[in-house]
Amino acid sequence: AFEQQHQELERIATSFGTVRDKDVLNVQPRRIEIVKLPRAMTLKEFAERYPSSVELEELRLINQIDSPDTQIPAGTPLKRVTGKRIE
């Protein structure tokens, strides 16, 4: 049984062709970057100054901020998301 499964898995793994689509090849994994706020600002201001690859609402959830208009003190570490979203 194992040999039969092994052969089937090997057949599947070797059936993939070479990827040549530049949009696929240029996709970067999404990463979290920590930014220490240089001054007090709202999450909206943070998103404008340090763009993320996610919407403001998702950024709000990631950073556990109540409202995008909440004033966040200088020196607070906030997360931003970088990298392309795969469409």
C-alpha atoms as a PDB file:
ATOM      1  CA  ALA A   1       0.000   0.000   0.000  1.00  0.00           C
ATOM      2  CA  PHE A   2       2.788   2.434   0.910  1.00  0.00           C
ATOM      3  CA  GLU A   3       4.648   1.783  -2.353  1.00  0.00           C
ATOM      4  CA  GLN A   4       1.494   2.498  -4.342  1.00  0.00           C
ATOM      5  CA  GLN A   5       0.928   5.789  -2.449  1.00  0.00           C
ATOM      6  CA  HIS A   6       4.590   6.694  -2.852  1.00  0.00           C
ATOM      7  CA  GLN A   7       4.388   6.192  -6.614  1.00  0.00           C
ATOM      8  CA  GLU A   8       1.214   8.265  -6.846  1.00  0.00           C
ATOM      9  CA  LEU A   9       2.715  11.108  -4.801  1.00  0.00           C
ATOM     10  CA  GLU A  10       5.887  11.046  -6.886  1.00  0.00           C
ATOM     11  CA  ARG A  11       3.807  11.194 -10.087  1.00  0.00           C
ATOM     12  CA  ILE A  12       1.905  14.204  -8.747  1.00  0.00           C
ATOM     13  CA  ALA A  13       5.050  16.002  -7.576  1.00  0.00           C
ATOM     14  CA  THR A  14       6.804  15.576 -10.917  1.00  0.00           C
ATOM     15  CA  SER A  15       3.779  16.693 -12.952  1.00  0.00           C
ATOM     16  CA  PHE A  16       4.281  20.406 -12.218  1.00  0.00           C
ATOM     17  CA  GLY A  17       5.699  22.512 -15.034  1.00  0.00           C
ATOM     18  CA  THR A  18       8.107  25.421 -14.809  1.00  0.00           C
ATOM     19  CA  VAL A  19       6.480  28.689 -13.705  1.00  0.00           C
ATOM     20  CA  ARG A  20       7.153  31.514 -16.170  1.00  0.00           C
ATOM     21  CA  ASP A  21       4.438  34.007 -15.217  1.00  0.00           C
ATOM     22  CA  LYS A  22       6.264  37.133 -13.988  1.00  0.00           C
ATOM     23  CA  ASP A  23       3.333  38.120 -11.750  1.00  0.00           C
ATOM     24  CA  VAL A  24       3.653  34.793  -9.933  1.00  0.00           C
ATOM     25  CA  LEU A  25       7.457  34.848  -9.827  1.00  0.00           C
ATOM     26  CA  ASN A  26       7.538  38.388  -8.401  1.00  0.00           C
ATOM     27  CA  VAL A  27       5.194  37.683  -5.487  1.00  0.00           C
ATOM     28  CA  GLN A  28       6.880  38.275  -2.153  1.00  0.00           C
ATOM     29  CA  PRO A  29       5.627  36.672   1.045  1.00  0.00           C
ATOM     30  CA  ARG A  30       3.687  38.930   3.351  1.00  0.00           C
ATOM     31  CA  ARG A  31       5.750  39.929   6.358  1.00  0.00           C
ATOM     32  CA  ILE A  32       5.182  41.834   9.557  1.00  0.00           C
ATOM     33  CA  GLU A  33       7.461  44.809  10.153  1.00  0.00           C
ATOM     34  CA  ILE A  34       7.574  46.536  13.535  1.00  0.00           C
ATOM     35  CA  VAL A  35       7.731  50.343  13.440  1.00  0.00           C
ATOM     36  CA  LYS A  36       8.401  52.395  16.568  1.00  0.00           C
ATOM     37  CA  LEU A  37       6.350  55.570  16.242  1.00  0.00           C
ATOM     38  CA  PRO A  38       8.605  58.628  15.961  1.00  0.00           C
ATOM     39  CA  ARG A  39       5.756  60.851  17.174  1.00  0.00           C
ATOM     40  CA  ALA A  40       2.192  60.505  18.410  1.00  0.00           C
ATOM     41  CA  MET A  41      -0.243  59.745  15.573  1.00  0.00           C
ATOM     42  CA  THR A  42      -3.479  57.972  14.749  1.00  0.00           C
ATOM     43  CA  LEU A  43      -3.586  54.607  13.012  1.00  0.00           C
ATOM     44  CA  LYS A  44      -4.862  56.408   9.892  1.00  0.00           C
ATOM     45  CA  GLU A  45      -1.759  58.626   9.916  1.00  0.00           C
ATOM     46  CA  PHE A  46       0.439  55.579  10.528  1.00  0.00           C
ATOM     47  CA  ALA A  47      -1.104  53.791   7.533  1.00  0.00           C
ATOM     48  CA  GLU A  48      -0.445  56.823   5.324  1.00  0.00           C
ATOM     49  CA  ARG A  49       3.144  57.258   6.483  1.00  0.00           C
ATOM     50  CA  TYR A  50       3.968  53.508   6.585  1.00  0.00           C
ATOM     51  CA  PRO A  51       1.792  51.861   3.917  1.00  0.00           C
ATOM     52  CA  SER A  52       0.745  48.248   4.442  1.00  0.00           C
ATOM     53  CA  SER A  53      -0.476  45.641   2.004  1.00  0.00           C
ATOM     54  CA  VAL A  54      -3.657  45.161   4.072  1.00  0.00           C
ATOM     55  CA  GLU A  55      -6.701  47.362   4.567  1.00  0.00           C
ATOM     56  CA  LEU A  56      -6.913  49.763   7.510  1.00  0.00           C
ATOM     57  CA  GLU A  57      -9.446  47.566   9.340  1.00  0.00           C
ATOM     58  CA  GLU A  58      -7.111  44.555   9.226  1.00  0.00           C
ATOM     59  CA  LEU A  59      -4.231  46.772  10.356  1.00  0.00           C
ATOM     60  CA  ARG A  60      -6.405  47.945  13.257  1.00  0.00           C
ATOM     61  CA  LEU A  61      -7.073  44.329  14.300  1.00  0.00           C
ATOM     62  CA  ILE A  62      -3.421  43.288  13.990  1.00  0.00           C
ATOM     63  CA  ASN A  63      -2.383  46.162  16.230  1.00  0.00           C
ATOM     64  CA  GLN A  64      -5.326  45.769  18.632  1.00  0.00           C
ATOM     65  CA  ILE A  65      -6.348  49.422  18.284  1.00  0.00           C
ATOM     66  CA  ASP A  66      -9.955  50.349  19.141  1.00  0.00           C
ATOM     67  CA  SER A  67     -10.405  52.979  16.434  1.00  0.00           C
ATOM     68  CA  PRO A  68      -8.335  54.196  13.471  1.00  0.00           C
ATOM     69  CA  ASP A  69      -8.725  57.702  14.969  1.00  0.00           C
ATOM     70  CA  THR A  70      -7.261  56.782  18.381  1.00  0.00           C
ATOM     71  CA  GLN A  71      -4.156  58.833  19.198  1.00  0.00           C
ATOM     72  CA  ILE A  72      -1.200  56.466  19.733  1.00  0.00           C
ATOM     73  CA  PRO A  73       1.741  57.749  21.839  1.00  0.00           C
ATOM     74  CA  ALA A  74       5.223  58.285  20.368  1.00  0.00           C
ATOM     75  CA  GLY A  75       7.522  55.296  20.909  1.00  0.00           C
ATOM     76  CA  THR A  76       4.693  52.751  20.606  1.00  0.00           C
ATOM     77  CA  PRO A  77       5.675  49.777  18.417  1.00  0.00           C
ATOM     78  CA  LEU A  78       3.089  49.140  15.673  1.00  0.00           C
ATOM     79  CA  LYS A  79       2.948  46.387  13.079  1.00  0.00           C
ATOM     80  CA  ARG A  80       2.674  46.936   9.341  1.00  0.00           C
ATOM     81  CA  VAL A  81       2.271  44.260   6.686  1.00  0.00           C
ATOM     82  CA  THR A  82       4.559  44.221   3.673  1.00  0.00           C
ATOM     83  CA  GLY A  83       4.618  42.010   0.590  1.00  0.00           C
ATOM     84  CA  LYS A  84       2.108  41.424  -2.168  1.00  0.00           C
ATOM     85  CA  ARG A  85      -1.306  39.957  -1.670  1.00  0.00           C
ATOM     86  CA  ILE A  86      -1.849  37.044  -4.046  1.00  0.00           C
ATOM     87  CA  GLU A  87      -4.956  37.737  -6.112  1.00  0.00           C
END
